[in-house]
Protein backbone atom coordinates (compact mmCIF):
# COMPACT_ATOMS: atom_id res chain seq x y z
CA UNK A 1 0.00 0.00 0.00
CA UNK A 2 1.47 3.33 -0.96
CA UNK A 3 1.34 6.47 1.11
CA UNK A 4 0.06 8.40 -1.91
CA UNK A 5 -3.02 6.19 -2.35
CA UNK A 6 -3.67 6.24 1.37
CA UNK A 7 -3.39 10.05 1.34
CA UNK A 8 -5.92 10.26 -1.49
CA UNK A 9 -8.36 8.07 0.45
CA UNK A 10 -7.91 10.30 3.50
CA UNK A 11 -8.61 13.41 1.42
CA UNK A 12 -11.74 11.77 0.00
CA UNK A 13 -12.94 10.90 3.51
CA UNK A 14 -12.37 14.48 4.63
CA UNK A 15 -14.33 15.73 1.61
CA UNK A 16 -17.32 13.54 2.51
CA UNK A 17 -17.20 14.79 6.07
CA UNK A 18 -17.05 18.43 5.00
CA UNK A 19 -19.85 17.92 2.48
CA UNK A 20 -22.12 16.56 5.22
CA UNK A 21 -21.10 19.41 7.51
CA UNK A 22 -21.87 21.95 4.79
CA UNK A 23 -25.27 20.39 4.12
CA UNK A 24 -26.08 20.43 7.81
CA UNK A 25 -25.33 24.15 7.98
CA UNK A 26 -27.17 24.86 4.74
CA UNK A 27 -30.43 23.13 5.65
CA UNK A 28 -31.26 23.95 9.24
CA UNK A 29 -34.33 21.72 9.27
CA UNK A 30 -32.17 18.67 8.57
CA UNK A 31 -29.26 19.69 10.80
CA UNK A 32 -29.47 16.65 13.06
CA UNK A 33 -29.59 14.27 10.11
CA UNK A 34 -26.38 15.60 8.56
CA UNK A 35 -24.28 16.61 11.56
CA UNK A 36 -24.32 13.26 13.36
CA UNK A 37 -23.00 11.28 10.36
CA UNK A 38 -20.48 14.04 9.62
CA UNK A 39 -19.01 13.99 13.11
CA UNK A 40 -19.07 10.20 13.34
CA UNK A 41 -17.42 9.84 9.95
CA UNK A 42 -14.80 12.42 10.87
CA UNK A 43 -13.90 10.73 14.14
CA UNK A 44 -13.76 7.23 12.70
CA UNK A 45 -11.94 8.13 9.51
CA UNK A 46 -9.38 10.30 11.28
CA UNK A 47 -8.64 7.59 13.84
CA UNK A 48 -8.34 4.72 11.41
CA UNK A 49 -6.82 6.56 8.45
CA UNK A 50 -4.13 8.19 10.54
CA UNK A 51 -3.36 4.95 12.33
CA UNK A 52 -3.08 3.10 9.02
CA UNK A 53 -0.91 5.85 7.58
CA UNK A 54 1.46 5.66 10.56
CA UNK A 55 1.61 1.86 10.27
CA UNK A 56 2.44 2.03 6.56
CA UNK A 57 5.07 4.72 7.15
CA UNK A 58 6.62 2.76 9.99
CA UNK A 59 6.80 -0.44 7.96
CA UNK A 60 8.49 1.35 5.07
CA UNK A 61 10.93 3.65 6.84
CA UNK A 62 11.45 2.27 10.34
CA UNK A 63 14.39 0.06 9.34
CA UNK A 64 16.32 3.10 8.05
CA UNK A 65 16.20 4.83 11.44
CA UNK A 66 18.60 3.37 14.03
CA UNK A 67 17.07 4.54 17.32
CA UNK A 68 13.94 6.00 18.87
CA UNK A 69 15.22 9.58 18.82
CA UNK A 70 15.71 9.42 15.05
CA UNK A 71 12.19 8.02 14.64
CA UNK A 72 10.74 10.95 16.61
CA UNK A 73 12.71 13.45 14.54
CA UNK A 74 11.50 11.85 11.32
CA UNK A 75 7.88 11.91 12.42
CA UNK A 76 8.01 15.56 13.38
């Protein structure tokens, strides 16, 4: 799995979340029907997408970094 494809999936997930958020603000009568899925989708996608991205990055580049301090520097 490449970091580029995973980044594109993360951007698509963020777009869906923002689209639901925009619709919830646009139609006040349906606010509760759009905001709950938007927040749930944002929380779940950010948790799992970021965790998967860190796992992929670690599997690809962790062997190149000799100690924990170098890993922290590379992540920041």
